[in-house]
C-alpha cells in the first residue's frame, strides 16, 4: 500500500485529507502510475479551495480516503472501491470521534498520468473528479452539521448538484437504480436533503455539541443528552422504516462502537433505555449493543 505524507503550508484550505491507494490486486502494471495517482489525488483534495470560508491551518478537517484498486480495465481506466473516514475533535479532550466510515463500491474512473485534475461543481468533467468532489462536500457537510443545526446544507446542495451533473455518466453510483438496494451516492445525498430525514442530521449536532463535547466535564448529563439525541433518529426510523434508509445506516455504522464505550459504564436504567433504542434503529448490530447491558 502506498502512503503519502506531504506537508502543506497554505492556510485557507479546508481539508487535511490523508490519501492512500492500494493497488496490490493489480499485477504487472507500471507501479509509478499509482504513486502519481496518489500524489495527484492528495493534492487535489488538500489544495482545492472548496468553500468561501476562511480556515486556519489548525482548523482543517481531518479525513482519510482509501482507494482500493481491484482491476485495471485499460491503460488509463481503473475499477475499485473508495473508503471515506471523517473525524471530529471532541471539545477539551485529545479524542477524535469518527463521524463517517463507509465504503463506496461503485468506483470506476480514468486517470491519465500528468493530466491535471480540474473540478467545476457546475460541470461533469470526469468520474474521478466528480467522485472526489462529491465526497469533499459530504465531508464538509457532516462536519458543519456537527457544529450548528443543519449547518452543512449548503455543502450537501453542492454534492447534489454534482450528482445531477453526472446523470449521463456511464460509470455507476450516480443514478437512483445503481448499486445494491439503493445504496449509492444518489440516495445518500437525497436522504441528507430530504426533510423527512432531517432528524438524523439534527442528531449529529445534538450528539456532538450536547453529548460528546460535554463528556469531559459533565459525563452524566452528556449521556442523558445522547439518549435524547438518539430519539431523533428513532422518530425518523418509525416514520420510514424501509430498507433504503442509507443515511441512518452510515451514521450508525460510524457510531456503534463509540456508543458501546460511552454507555458501558452507565447506570442500569440508562443502559436499558439506550439499548432499547439502538436495537430498534440498528437491529443489525443488536448483538453488539447487548454488550452494554452485560458490561459491569
Foldseek 3Di string as FASTA:
>chain_A
DDWDDDDDDDFFWAAPETEEEAEPQDPDADVVQVVLVRVQLNCVLGVDRLDPDGGGPVNHWYKYKYWYWNDDPDNFKTAAKIWIWTWDDAAPDRDIAIQFTDMARFDIWGDDGPDHDDDDLQACDTSVNLVSLLVSLVNQLLRLLQADPSRSVVSLVSSQSSLVNCPPPPTFQSDQPGDDLSQGSPLQSVLSPDPLNSLVSNLSNQLRPQARNCCVPDLVRNLVSNLVSLVSLVSSCVVPVDPNNNNLVRRCVSCVVVNLVSQLPPDLVSLVSSLVSCCSSPVVCNVSSVSSNVRD
